[in-house]
Amino acid sequence: MNDYEELLAEQEEEQLAEALAEEHQAELEIQLEQDEQPPQIDEPPETKKLKRDLQREALARLENAARTTADFHNVVSWWNRLDSNRERRERYHEVSRSGLDIPLDYGAALDGEIIPYDVNDVLIKQIRKGDYIDAIFHCPFELNELVTDVDLSKILNKLSDDHKEIIFNNIVRGISTKALGKIREQSDRNIRKVRATALKKINKALLKVLLSRKEKGYPLTIEEKLFIEKALDGSKGS
C-alpha cells in the first residue's frame, strides 16, 4: 500500500468515526425527545386518517381566510409545526432504520450496502450517459481540457506541471493541502504557497482576457464583471 492509499484509508477511518459520533448523538437526541413526549394512544388507521384530513382542511381554510399579518404568521406557524413533525419522523427512520440495515458500528460502509458510492459519483453518472470527455481528461496534465472557454484553456495549458497537479488535486478533486503535502513530501505551507502562486498567475492572465473582451464590446457574465471589479480593486489596494 503506497502513501496515497494509506492516506485515503486514514481519511475513511476519520469519516467513519465522525459518522458514528453523529449517529450516536442523533440517537441520544431522539431518545430525549421520546422521553419528553406524552405516551401515544393507539388509534385505528381510520381515526388517524380522519384527523389528518381535518387538519388539512383546517389549514386550507386558514390560508384562504388569511388577510392580516397576524393571520399569515399563524399559517406559517402551522406549516413550521408540520415540517418539524415530518423532520422528526424522518430522523427516527434514518437513525433506527427499523432494523433493516446494519448500523455503522457493526462495520458497515459509509456508502451503504444497497447503493455504492460510485453510483452517485459525477464521472460515473456521465459515463453511464455516454459522456466520456470529463473521464478521459480527468488528469492533472489535461486540466485545460476540462474547461469550455478557449482563452481559459490556453491559460491553464501554460501552467507548469507542479501548478497543474496542485490545482487539479486541490480544487478539482478536493484533496486538502495537508494531504497533498504528505503525498508530495512537502509541508502544508509550501503547498498553499504554490497554489496561491498558480491562482495569482491564472487570475492575472484571465483579467487581461476579460478586459480585452470588455474593450471590444463583448458581453460578459455577472461573474466575469464581478471578477474584473474585484481584481481591479485588489490591484488598487496593493
C-alpha atoms as a PDB file:
ATOM      1  CA  MET A   1       0.000   0.000   0.000  1.00  0.00           C
ATOM      2  CA  ASN A   2       1.535   3.343  -1.061  1.00  0.00           C
ATOM      3  CA  ASP A   3       1.372   6.639   0.836  1.00  0.00           C
ATOM      4  CA  TYR A   4      -1.662   7.820  -1.118  1.00  0.00           C
ATOM      5  CA  GLU A   5      -3.652   4.652  -0.318  1.00  0.00           C
ATOM      6  CA  GLU A   6      -2.663   4.880   3.354  1.00  0.00           C
ATOM      7  CA  LEU A   7      -3.826   8.488   3.421  1.00  0.00           C
ATOM      8  CA  LEU A   8      -7.160   7.562   1.869  1.00  0.00           C
ATOM      9  CA  ALA A   9      -7.571   4.775   4.435  1.00  0.00           C
ATOM     10  CA  GLU A  10      -6.900   7.252   7.264  1.00  0.00           C
ATOM     11  CA  GLN A  11      -9.445   9.669   5.823  1.00  0.00           C
ATOM     12  CA  GLU A  12     -12.053   6.889   5.582  1.00  0.00           C
ATOM     13  CA  GLU A  13     -11.432   5.939   9.216  1.00  0.00           C
ATOM     14  CA  GLU A  14     -11.835   9.579  10.282  1.00  0.00           C
ATOM     15  CA  GLN A  15     -15.069   9.875   8.281  1.00  0.00           C
ATOM     16  CA  LEU A  16     -16.395   6.669   9.853  1.00  0.00           C
ATOM     17  CA  ALA A  17     -15.559   7.925  13.351  1.00  0.00           C
ATOM     18  CA  GLU A  18     -17.317  11.237  12.673  1.00  0.00           C
ATOM     19  CA  ALA A  19     -20.357   9.460  11.226  1.00  0.00           C
ATOM     20  CA  LEU A  20     -20.541   7.170  14.272  1.00  0.00           C
ATOM     21  CA  ALA A  21     -20.373  10.140  16.622  1.00  0.00           C
ATOM     22  CA  GLU A  22     -23.137  11.935  14.685  1.00  0.00           C
ATOM     23  CA  GLU A  23     -25.305   8.804  14.680  1.00  0.00           C
ATOM     24  CA  HIS A  24     -24.910   8.258  18.416  1.00  0.00           C
ATOM     25  CA  GLN A  25     -25.661  11.931  19.079  1.00  0.00           C
ATOM     26  CA  ALA A  26     -28.784  11.715  16.915  1.00  0.00           C
ATOM     27  CA  GLU A  27     -29.904   8.577  18.775  1.00  0.00           C
ATOM     28  CA  LEU A  28     -29.474  10.365  22.104  1.00  0.00           C
ATOM     29  CA  GLU A  29     -31.458  13.408  20.916  1.00  0.00           C
ATOM     30  CA  ILE A  30     -34.267  11.199  19.619  1.00  0.00           C
ATOM     31  CA  GLN A  31     -34.370   9.267  22.891  1.00  0.00           C
ATOM     32  CA  LEU A  32     -34.634  12.535  24.831  1.00  0.00           C
ATOM     33  CA  GLU A  33     -37.438  13.716  22.531  1.00  0.00           C
ATOM     34  CA  GLN A  34     -39.333  10.464  23.017  1.00  0.00           C
ATOM     35  CA  ASP A  35     -38.904  10.645  26.807  1.00  0.00           C
ATOM     36  CA  GLU A  36     -40.343  14.169  26.875  1.00  0.00           C
ATOM     37  CA  GLN A  37     -43.366  13.280  24.718  1.00  0.00           C
ATOM     38  CA  PRO A  38     -46.559  12.029  26.388  1.00  0.00           C
ATOM     39  CA  PRO A  39     -47.420   8.368  25.797  1.00  0.00           C
ATOM     40  CA  GLN A  40     -49.178   7.793  22.496  1.00  0.00           C
ATOM     41  CA  ILE A  41     -52.590   6.157  22.447  1.00  0.00           C
ATOM     42  CA  ASP A  42     -53.014   3.556  19.734  1.00  0.00           C
ATOM     43  CA  GLU A  43     -55.769   4.604  17.347  1.00  0.00           C
ATOM     44  CA  PRO A  44     -57.262   2.766  14.406  1.00  0.00           C
ATOM     45  CA  PRO A  45     -55.971   3.814  10.967  1.00  0.00           C
ATOM     46  CA  GLU A  46     -59.377   5.263  10.063  1.00  0.00           C
ATOM     47  CA  THR A  47     -59.239   7.674  13.013  1.00  0.00           C
ATOM     48  CA  LYS A  48     -55.695   8.778  12.157  1.00  0.00           C
ATOM     49  CA  LYS A  49     -56.652   9.369   8.517  1.00  0.00           C
ATOM     50  CA  LEU A  50     -59.708  11.366   9.590  1.00  0.00           C
ATOM     51  CA  LYS A  51     -57.571  13.578  11.837  1.00  0.00           C
ATOM     52  CA  ARG A  52     -55.084  14.222   9.014  1.00  0.00           C
ATOM     53  CA  ASP A  53     -57.896  15.151   6.634  1.00  0.00           C
ATOM     54  CA  LEU A  54     -59.409  17.523   9.197  1.00  0.00           C
ATOM     55  CA  GLN A  55     -56.030  19.169   9.769  1.00  0.00           C
ATOM     56  CA  ARG A  56     -55.505  19.657   6.024  1.00  0.00           C
ATOM     57  CA  GLU A  57     -58.974  21.207   5.666  1.00  0.00           C
ATOM     58  CA  ALA A  58     -58.397  23.483   8.664  1.00  0.00           C
ATOM     59  CA  LEU A  59     -55.057  24.634   7.264  1.00  0.00           C
ATOM     60  CA  ALA A  60     -56.605  25.267   3.841  1.00  0.00           C
ATOM     61  CA  ARG A  61     -59.332  27.404   5.459  1.00  0.00           C
ATOM     62  CA  LEU A  62     -56.705  29.383   7.371  1.00  0.00           C
ATOM     63  CA  GLU A  63     -54.715  30.003   4.185  1.00  0.00           C
ATOM     64  CA  ASN A  64     -57.788  31.155   2.245  1.00  0.00           C
ATOM     65  CA  ALA A  65     -59.005  33.394   5.064  1.00  0.00           C
ATOM     66  CA  ALA A  66     -55.618  34.976   5.843  1.00  0.00           C
ATOM     67  CA  ARG A  67     -55.737  38.751   5.401  1.00  0.00           C
ATOM     68  CA  THR A  68     -53.631  40.365   8.130  1.00  0.00           C
ATOM     69  CA  THR A  69     -50.009  39.905   9.157  1.00  0.00           C
ATOM     70  CA  ALA A  70     -51.119  38.011  12.258  1.00  0.00           C
ATOM     71  CA  ASP A  71     -53.152  35.624  10.082  1.00  0.00           C
ATOM     72  CA  PHE A  72     -50.146  34.870   7.880  1.00  0.00           C
ATOM     73  CA  HIS A  73     -47.936  34.366  10.951  1.00  0.00           C
ATOM     74  CA  ASN A  74     -50.500  31.839  12.168  1.00  0.00           C
ATOM     75  CA  VAL A  75     -50.393  29.978   8.831  1.00  0.00           C
ATOM     76  CA  VAL A  76     -46.578  29.955   8.879  1.00  0.00           C
ATOM     77  CA  SER A  77     -46.565  28.561  12.434  1.00  0.00           C
ATOM     78  CA  TRP A  78     -48.872  25.735  11.267  1.00  0.00           C
ATOM     79  CA  TRP A  79     -46.512  24.842   8.424  1.00  0.00           C
ATOM     80  CA  ASN A  80     -43.476  25.074  10.719  1.00  0.00           C
ATOM     81  CA  ARG A  81     -45.110  22.658  13.143  1.00  0.00           C
ATOM     82  CA  LEU A  82     -45.955  20.225  10.325  1.00  0.00           C
ATOM     83  CA  ASP A  83     -42.399  20.447   8.962  1.00  0.00           C
ATOM     84  CA  SER A  84     -40.868  19.821  12.383  1.00  0.00           C
ATOM     85  CA  ASN A  85     -43.086  16.765  12.843  1.00  0.00           C
ATOM     86  CA  ARG A  86     -42.106  15.450   9.427  1.00  0.00           C
ATOM     87  CA  GLU A  87     -38.391  16.020  10.091  1.00  0.00           C
ATOM     88  CA  ARG A  88     -38.664  14.265  13.449  1.00  0.00           C
ATOM     89  CA  ARG A  89     -40.283  11.212  11.840  1.00  0.00           C
ATOM     90  CA  GLU A  90     -37.531  11.178   9.188  1.00  0.00           C
ATOM     91  CA  ARG A  91     -34.845  11.337  11.868  1.00  0.00           C
ATOM     92  CA  TYR A  92     -36.428   8.401  13.672  1.00  0.00           C
ATOM     93  CA  HIS A  93     -36.382   6.366  10.466  1.00  0.00           C
ATOM     94  CA  GLU A  94     -32.876   7.364   9.353  1.00  0.00           C
ATOM     95  CA  VAL A  95     -31.235   6.561  12.670  1.00  0.00           C
ATOM     96  CA  SER A  96     -33.148   3.452  13.734  1.00  0.00           C
ATOM     97  CA  ARG A  97     -33.618   2.148  10.149  1.00  0.00           C
ATOM     98  CA  SER A  98     -36.242  -0.219  11.595  1.00  0.00           C
ATOM     99  CA  GLY A  99     -33.505  -2.867  11.987  1.00  0.00           C
ATOM    100  CA  LEU A 100     -33.300  -3.419   8.225  1.00  0.00           C
ATOM    101  CA  ASP A 101     -29.745  -2.113   7.729  1.00  0.00           C
ATOM    102  CA  ILE A 102     -26.504  -2.825   9.518  1.00  0.00           C
ATOM    103  CA  PRO A 103     -25.525   0.060  11.844  1.00  0.00           C
ATOM    104  CA  LEU A 104     -22.249   1.851  11.263  1.00  0.00           C
ATOM    105  CA  ASP A 105     -20.772   0.479  14.484  1.00  0.00           C
ATOM    106  CA  TYR A 106     -21.067  -3.045  13.010  1.00  0.00           C
ATOM    107  CA  GLY A 107     -18.528  -2.062  10.361  1.00  0.00           C
ATOM    108  CA  ALA A 108     -20.939  -1.177   7.549  1.00  0.00           C
ATOM    109  CA  ALA A 109     -19.543   1.003   4.773  1.00  0.00           C
ATOM    110  CA  LEU A 110     -20.448   4.674   4.826  1.00  0.00           C
ATOM    111  CA  ASP A 111     -21.883   4.354   1.334  1.00  0.00           C
ATOM    112  CA  GLY A 112     -24.407   1.722   2.391  1.00  0.00           C
ATOM    113  CA  GLU A 113     -24.930  -1.822   1.205  1.00  0.00           C
ATOM    114  CA  ILE A 114     -27.533  -1.246  -1.489  1.00  0.00           C
ATOM    115  CA  ILE A 115     -26.240   1.789  -3.386  1.00  0.00           C
ATOM    116  CA  PRO A 116     -22.412   2.011  -3.554  1.00  0.00           C
ATOM    117  CA  TYR A 117     -20.672   5.356  -3.618  1.00  0.00           C
ATOM    118  CA  ASP A 118     -19.579   5.018  -7.245  1.00  0.00           C
ATOM    119  CA  VAL A 119     -23.186   5.011  -8.401  1.00  0.00           C
ATOM    120  CA  ASN A 120     -23.558   8.645  -7.322  1.00  0.00           C
ATOM    121  CA  ASP A 121     -20.103   9.754  -8.458  1.00  0.00           C
ATOM    122  CA  VAL A 122     -20.274  12.554 -11.047  1.00  0.00           C
ATOM    123  CA  LEU A 123     -17.898  10.915 -13.504  1.00  0.00           C
ATOM    124  CA  ILE A 124     -19.676   7.555 -13.244  1.00  0.00           C
ATOM    125  CA  LYS A 125     -23.019   9.238 -13.939  1.00  0.00           C
ATOM    126  CA  GLN A 126     -21.575  10.892 -17.042  1.00  0.00           C
ATOM    127  CA  ILE A 127     -20.100   7.604 -18.261  1.00  0.00           C
ATOM    128  CA  ARG A 128     -23.485   5.873 -17.872  1.00  0.00           C
ATOM    129  CA  LYS A 129     -24.981   8.597 -20.069  1.00  0.00           C
ATOM    130  CA  GLY A 130     -22.313   8.036 -22.708  1.00  0.00           C
ATOM    131  CA  ASP A 131     -20.392  11.245 -21.922  1.00  0.00           C
ATOM    132  CA  TYR A 132     -16.751  10.174 -21.567  1.00  0.00           C
ATOM    133  CA  ILE A 133     -14.978  13.514 -22.133  1.00  0.00           C
ATOM    134  CA  ASP A 134     -14.509  14.515 -18.486  1.00  0.00           C
ATOM    135  CA  ALA A 135     -13.475  10.976 -17.519  1.00  0.00           C
ATOM    136  CA  ILE A 136     -10.888  10.804 -20.311  1.00  0.00           C
ATOM    137  CA  PHE A 137      -9.343  14.140 -19.333  1.00  0.00           C
ATOM    138  CA  HIS A 138      -9.599  13.564 -15.552  1.00  0.00           C
ATOM    139  CA  CYS A 139      -5.877  14.099 -15.176  1.00  0.00           C
ATOM    140  CA  PRO A 140      -3.715  16.985 -13.830  1.00  0.00           C
ATOM    141  CA  PHE A 141      -1.864  17.379 -17.115  1.00  0.00           C
ATOM    142  CA  GLU A 142      -5.108  17.558 -19.116  1.00  0.00           C
ATOM    143  CA  LEU A 143      -6.550  20.245 -16.834  1.00  0.00           C
ATOM    144  CA  ASN A 144      -7.079  22.644 -19.734  1.00  0.00           C
ATOM    145  CA  GLU A 145      -9.434  20.156 -21.410  1.00  0.00           C
ATOM    146  CA  LEU A 146     -11.895  20.368 -18.500  1.00  0.00           C
ATOM    147  CA  VAL A 147     -12.987  23.940 -19.330  1.00  0.00           C
ATOM    148  CA  THR A 148     -15.018  25.166 -22.287  1.00  0.00           C
ATOM    149  CA  ASP A 149     -13.602  28.700 -22.501  1.00  0.00           C
ATOM    150  CA  VAL A 150     -10.846  28.754 -25.138  1.00  0.00           C
ATOM    151  CA  ASP A 151      -8.804  31.525 -23.501  1.00  0.00           C
ATOM    152  CA  LEU A 152      -9.007  29.931 -20.048  1.00  0.00           C
ATOM    153  CA  SER A 153      -7.973  26.598 -21.575  1.00  0.00           C
ATOM    154  CA  LYS A 154      -4.866  28.256 -23.052  1.00  0.00           C
ATOM    155  CA  ILE A 155      -4.050  29.845 -19.676  1.00  0.00           C
ATOM    156  CA  LEU A 156      -4.305  26.524 -17.859  1.00  0.00           C
ATOM    157  CA  ASN A 157      -2.272  24.757 -20.537  1.00  0.00           C
ATOM    158  CA  LYS A 158       0.633  27.165 -19.984  1.00  0.00           C
ATOM    159  CA  LEU A 159       0.903  26.318 -16.278  1.00  0.00           C
ATOM    160  CA  SER A 160       3.842  24.260 -15.068  1.00  0.00           C
ATOM    161  CA  ASP A 161       3.294  20.593 -14.237  1.00  0.00           C
ATOM    162  CA  ASP A 162       3.567  21.296 -10.494  1.00  0.00           C
ATOM    163  CA  HIS A 163       0.935  24.019 -10.713  1.00  0.00           C
ATOM    164  CA  LYS A 164      -1.368  21.791 -12.752  1.00  0.00           C
ATOM    165  CA  GLU A 165      -1.014  18.905 -10.306  1.00  0.00           C
ATOM    166  CA  ILE A 166      -1.752  21.020  -7.235  1.00  0.00           C
ATOM    167  CA  ILE A 167      -4.654  22.918  -8.827  1.00  0.00           C
ATOM    168  CA  PHE A 168      -6.228  19.700 -10.118  1.00  0.00           C
ATOM    169  CA  ASN A 169      -5.901  17.684  -6.921  1.00  0.00           C
ATOM    170  CA  ASN A 170      -6.815  20.503  -4.539  1.00  0.00           C
ATOM    171  CA  ILE A 171      -9.552  22.338  -6.445  1.00  0.00           C
ATOM    172  CA  VAL A 172     -10.976  19.738  -8.840  1.00  0.00           C
ATOM    173  CA  ARG A 173     -10.622  16.606  -6.678  1.00  0.00           C
ATOM    174  CA  GLY A 174     -10.965  18.385  -3.332  1.00  0.00           C
ATOM    175  CA  ILE A 175      -7.852  16.902  -1.697  1.00  0.00           C
ATOM    176  CA  SER A 176      -6.674  19.097   1.175  1.00  0.00           C
ATOM    177  CA  THR A 177      -3.337  20.878   1.058  1.00  0.00           C
ATOM    178  CA  LYS A 178      -2.265  18.906   4.132  1.00  0.00           C
ATOM    179  CA  ALA A 179      -2.953  15.606   2.362  1.00  0.00           C
ATOM    180  CA  LEU A 180      -1.176  16.811  -0.770  1.00  0.00           C
ATOM    181  CA  GLY A 181       1.807  17.772   1.357  1.00  0.00           C
ATOM    182  CA  LYS A 182       2.060  14.216   2.690  1.00  0.00           C
ATOM    183  CA  ILE A 183       1.793  12.734  -0.806  1.00  0.00           C
ATOM    184  CA  ARG A 184       4.388  15.107  -2.281  1.00  0.00           C
ATOM    185  CA  GLU A 185       6.536  15.015   0.880  1.00  0.00           C
ATOM    186  CA  GLN A 186       6.208  18.775   1.279  1.00  0.00           C
ATOM    187  CA  SER A 187       4.844  20.998   4.019  1.00  0.00           C
ATOM    188  CA  ASP A 188       1.260  22.218   4.032  1.00  0.00           C
ATOM    189  CA  ARG A 189       2.564  25.779   3.927  1.00  0.00           C
ATOM    190  CA  ASN A 190       4.600  25.064   0.807  1.00  0.00           C
ATOM    191  CA  ILE A 191       1.590  23.559  -0.983  1.00  0.00           C
ATOM    192  CA  ARG A 192      -0.561  26.568  -0.123  1.00  0.00           C
ATOM    193  CA  LYS A 193       2.175  28.918  -1.303  1.00  0.00           C
ATOM    194  CA  VAL A 194       2.482  27.145  -4.664  1.00  0.00           C
ATOM    195  CA  ARG A 195      -1.324  27.095  -5.030  1.00  0.00           C
ATOM    196  CA  ALA A 196      -1.502  30.840  -4.334  1.00  0.00           C
ATOM    197  CA  THR A 197       1.197  31.476  -6.944  1.00  0.00           C
ATOM    198  CA  ALA A 198      -0.659  29.388  -9.532  1.00  0.00           C
ATOM    199  CA  LEU A 199      -4.002  31.076  -8.832  1.00  0.00           C
ATOM    200  CA  LYS A 200      -2.387  34.506  -8.997  1.00  0.00           C
ATOM    201  CA  LYS A 201      -0.900  33.621 -12.372  1.00  0.00           C
ATOM    202  CA  ILE A 202      -4.272  32.375 -13.658  1.00  0.00           C
ATOM    203  CA  ASN A 203      -6.146  35.432 -12.359  1.00  0.00           C
ATOM    204  CA  LYS A 204      -3.650  37.863 -13.868  1.00  0.00           C
ATOM    205  CA  ALA A 205      -3.860  36.254 -17.305  1.00  0.00           C
ATOM    206  CA  LEU A 206      -7.630  35.922 -17.114  1.00  0.00           C
ATOM    207  CA  LEU A 207      -8.020  39.591 -16.165  1.00  0.00           C
ATOM    208  CA  LYS A 208      -6.202  40.630 -19.342  1.00  0.00           C
ATOM    209  CA  VAL A 209      -8.507  38.440 -21.419  1.00  0.00           C
ATOM    210  CA  LEU A 210     -11.678  39.794 -19.830  1.00  0.00           C
ATOM    211  CA  LEU A 211     -10.540  43.429 -20.092  1.00  0.00           C
ATOM    212  CA  SER A 212      -9.795  42.853 -23.773  1.00  0.00           C
ATOM    213  CA  ARG A 213     -13.277  41.397 -24.280  1.00  0.00           C
ATOM    214  CA  LYS A 214     -14.812  44.339 -22.450  1.00  0.00           C
ATOM    215  CA  GLU A 215     -12.959  46.871 -24.626  1.00  0.00           C
ATOM    216  CA  LYS A 216     -14.170  45.083 -27.752  1.00  0.00           C
ATOM    217  CA  GLY A 217     -17.766  45.231 -26.513  1.00  0.00           C
ATOM    218  CA  TYR A 218     -18.187  41.506 -25.980  1.00  0.00           C
ATOM    219  CA  PRO A 219     -20.938  40.601 -23.481  1.00  0.00           C
ATOM    220  CA  LEU A 220     -19.712  39.480 -20.058  1.00  0.00           C
ATOM    221  CA  THR A 221     -21.436  37.363 -17.457  1.00  0.00           C
ATOM    222  CA  ILE A 222     -22.184  38.691 -13.976  1.00  0.00           C
ATOM    223  CA  GLU A 223     -19.394  36.542 -12.523  1.00  0.00           C
ATOM    224  CA  GLU A 224     -16.911  37.902 -15.065  1.00  0.00           C
ATOM    225  CA  LYS A 225     -17.906  41.501 -14.256  1.00  0.00           C
ATOM    226  CA  LEU A 226     -17.550  40.843 -10.527  1.00  0.00           C
ATOM    227  CA  PHE A 227     -14.165  39.206 -11.160  1.00  0.00           C
ATOM    228  CA  ILE A 228     -12.942  42.307 -13.014  1.00  0.00           C
ATOM    229  CA  GLU A 229     -14.174  44.662 -10.279  1.00  0.00           C
ATOM    230  CA  LYS A 230     -12.601  42.576  -7.519  1.00  0.00           C
ATOM    231  CA  ALA A 231      -9.313  42.216  -9.399  1.00  0.00           C
ATOM    232  CA  LEU A 232      -9.097  45.953 -10.130  1.00  0.00           C
ATOM    233  CA  ASP A 233      -9.947  46.856  -6.527  1.00  0.00           C
ATOM    234  CA  GLY A 234      -7.268  44.449  -5.319  1.00  0.00           C
ATOM    235  CA  SER A 235      -4.668  45.993  -7.638  1.00  0.00           C
ATOM    236  CA  LYS A 236      -5.544  49.487  -6.387  1.00  0.00           C
ATOM    237  CA  GLY A 237      -5.251  48.341  -2.782  1.00  0.00           C
ATOM    238  CA  SER A 238      -1.841  46.809  -3.387  1.00  0.00           C
END
